[in-house]
């Protein structure tokens, strides 16, 4: 699998969110570095747990900025979490 390289095209214009997205990309790249099923599972679990933390921070930021599509975006977070936990 080819690694993802962060570019400014990924930027959402917020340094905290960008750093969190970079951390998620690093986890994806950790998976690209191994064929070890146990390590892949561990990274996926870390990603799942970190995604929950990220979603909370992102939703809080959206609330502070009166993001008009907040409820739709929260719905996307729930959909992702539901799919990832099954």
C-alpha atoms as a PDB file:
ATOM      1  CA  UNK A   1       0.000   0.000   0.000  1.00  0.00           C
ATOM      2  CA  UNK A   2       1.286   3.438  -0.894  1.00  0.00           C
ATOM      3  CA  UNK A   3       1.797   5.860   1.974  1.00  0.00           C
ATOM      4  CA  UNK A   4      -0.218   9.060   2.254  1.00  0.00           C
ATOM      5  CA  UNK A   5       1.840  12.242   2.216  1.00  0.00           C
ATOM      6  CA  UNK A   6       0.300  15.289   3.883  1.00  0.00           C
ATOM      7  CA  UNK A   7      -0.087  18.266   1.598  1.00  0.00           C
ATOM      8  CA  UNK A   8      -1.746  21.607   2.165  1.00  0.00           C
ATOM      9  CA  UNK A   9      -4.600  20.341  -0.031  1.00  0.00           C
ATOM     10  CA  UNK A  10      -5.698  18.377   3.061  1.00  0.00           C
ATOM     11  CA  UNK A  11      -5.709  21.465   5.262  1.00  0.00           C
ATOM     12  CA  UNK A  12      -9.001  22.471   6.849  1.00  0.00           C
ATOM     13  CA  UNK A  13      -7.635  25.844   7.925  1.00  0.00           C
ATOM     14  CA  UNK A  14      -7.373  24.971  11.609  1.00  0.00           C
ATOM     15  CA  UNK A  15      -4.046  23.949  13.115  1.00  0.00           C
ATOM     16  CA  UNK A  16      -5.535  21.634  15.774  1.00  0.00           C
ATOM     17  CA  UNK A  17      -7.666  19.777  13.234  1.00  0.00           C
ATOM     18  CA  UNK A  18      -4.767  19.597  10.788  1.00  0.00           C
ATOM     19  CA  UNK A  19      -2.520  18.091  13.465  1.00  0.00           C
ATOM     20  CA  UNK A  20      -5.171  15.547  14.360  1.00  0.00           C
ATOM     21  CA  UNK A  21      -5.640  14.659  10.698  1.00  0.00           C
ATOM     22  CA  UNK A  22      -1.869  14.292  10.335  1.00  0.00           C
ATOM     23  CA  UNK A  23      -1.886  11.901  13.300  1.00  0.00           C
ATOM     24  CA  UNK A  24      -4.585   9.787  11.629  1.00  0.00           C
ATOM     25  CA  UNK A  25      -2.581   9.749   8.393  1.00  0.00           C
ATOM     26  CA  UNK A  26       0.488   8.610  10.349  1.00  0.00           C
ATOM     27  CA  UNK A  27      -1.542   5.707  11.735  1.00  0.00           C
ATOM     28  CA  UNK A  28      -2.680   4.756   8.231  1.00  0.00           C
ATOM     29  CA  UNK A  29       0.949   4.866   7.124  1.00  0.00           C
ATOM     30  CA  UNK A  30       1.881   2.588  10.047  1.00  0.00           C
ATOM     31  CA  UNK A  31      -0.421  -0.003   8.518  1.00  0.00           C
ATOM     32  CA  UNK A  32       1.287   0.455   5.150  1.00  0.00           C
ATOM     33  CA  UNK A  33       4.611  -0.363   6.813  1.00  0.00           C
ATOM     34  CA  UNK A  34       3.701  -3.857   7.981  1.00  0.00           C
ATOM     35  CA  UNK A  35       2.237  -7.191   7.001  1.00  0.00           C
ATOM     36  CA  UNK A  36       1.932  -8.229  10.657  1.00  0.00           C
ATOM     37  CA  UNK A  37      -1.780  -8.848  11.304  1.00  0.00           C
ATOM     38  CA  UNK A  38      -1.386  -8.251  15.035  1.00  0.00           C
ATOM     39  CA  UNK A  39       0.229  -4.841  14.487  1.00  0.00           C
ATOM     40  CA  UNK A  40      -2.401  -3.923  11.898  1.00  0.00           C
ATOM     41  CA  UNK A  41      -5.151  -4.803  14.381  1.00  0.00           C
ATOM     42  CA  UNK A  42      -3.458  -2.730  17.103  1.00  0.00           C
ATOM     43  CA  UNK A  43      -3.171   0.299  14.813  1.00  0.00           C
ATOM     44  CA  UNK A  44      -6.789  -0.013  13.702  1.00  0.00           C
ATOM     45  CA  UNK A  45      -7.915  -0.088  17.329  1.00  0.00           C
ATOM     46  CA  UNK A  46      -5.795   2.994  18.076  1.00  0.00           C
ATOM     47  CA  UNK A  47      -7.334   4.717  15.070  1.00  0.00           C
ATOM     48  CA  UNK A  48     -10.856   3.824  16.179  1.00  0.00           C
ATOM     49  CA  UNK A  49     -10.225   5.196  19.667  1.00  0.00           C
ATOM     50  CA  UNK A  50      -8.463   8.296  18.378  1.00  0.00           C
ATOM     51  CA  UNK A  51     -11.266   8.961  15.888  1.00  0.00           C
ATOM     52  CA  UNK A  52     -13.711   9.263  18.798  1.00  0.00           C
ATOM     53  CA  UNK A  53     -11.429  11.842  20.439  1.00  0.00           C
ATOM     54  CA  UNK A  54     -11.039  13.673  17.137  1.00  0.00           C
ATOM     55  CA  UNK A  55     -14.776  13.710  16.446  1.00  0.00           C
ATOM     56  CA  UNK A  56     -15.443  15.289  19.838  1.00  0.00           C
ATOM     57  CA  UNK A  57     -12.839  18.013  19.247  1.00  0.00           C
ATOM     58  CA  UNK A  58     -14.111  18.646  15.735  1.00  0.00           C
ATOM     59  CA  UNK A  59     -17.748  18.875  16.835  1.00  0.00           C
ATOM     60  CA  UNK A  60     -16.810  21.262  19.665  1.00  0.00           C
ATOM     61  CA  UNK A  61     -14.970  23.483  17.185  1.00  0.00           C
ATOM     62  CA  UNK A  62     -17.923  23.419  14.804  1.00  0.00           C
ATOM     63  CA  UNK A  63     -20.282  24.411  17.630  1.00  0.00           C
ATOM     64  CA  UNK A  64     -18.030  27.333  18.571  1.00  0.00           C
ATOM     65  CA  UNK A  65     -18.073  28.506  14.968  1.00  0.00           C
ATOM     66  CA  UNK A  66     -21.810  27.956  14.442  1.00  0.00           C
ATOM     67  CA  UNK A  67     -21.152  25.527  11.607  1.00  0.00           C
ATOM     68  CA  UNK A  68     -24.432  25.341   9.667  1.00  0.00           C
ATOM     69  CA  UNK A  69     -24.140  21.654   8.754  1.00  0.00           C
ATOM     70  CA  UNK A  70     -23.185  20.505  12.263  1.00  0.00           C
ATOM     71  CA  UNK A  71     -25.988  17.981  12.664  1.00  0.00           C
ATOM     72  CA  UNK A  72     -25.261  16.433   9.254  1.00  0.00           C
ATOM     73  CA  UNK A  73     -21.579  16.174  10.109  1.00  0.00           C
ATOM     74  CA  UNK A  74     -22.320  14.610  13.488  1.00  0.00           C
ATOM     75  CA  UNK A  75     -24.462  12.103  11.591  1.00  0.00           C
ATOM     76  CA  UNK A  76     -21.446  11.262   9.412  1.00  0.00           C
ATOM     77  CA  UNK A  77     -19.372  10.706  12.550  1.00  0.00           C
ATOM     78  CA  UNK A  78     -22.013   8.345  13.936  1.00  0.00           C
ATOM     79  CA  UNK A  79     -22.210   6.475  10.634  1.00  0.00           C
ATOM     80  CA  UNK A  80     -18.429   6.029  10.590  1.00  0.00           C
ATOM     81  CA  UNK A  81     -18.371   4.884  14.211  1.00  0.00           C
ATOM     82  CA  UNK A  82     -21.206   2.423  13.632  1.00  0.00           C
ATOM     83  CA  UNK A  83     -19.497   0.933  10.575  1.00  0.00           C
ATOM     84  CA  UNK A  84     -16.117   0.768  12.293  1.00  0.00           C
ATOM     85  CA  UNK A  85     -17.488  -1.003  15.340  1.00  0.00           C
ATOM     86  CA  UNK A  86     -19.215  -3.773  13.369  1.00  0.00           C
END
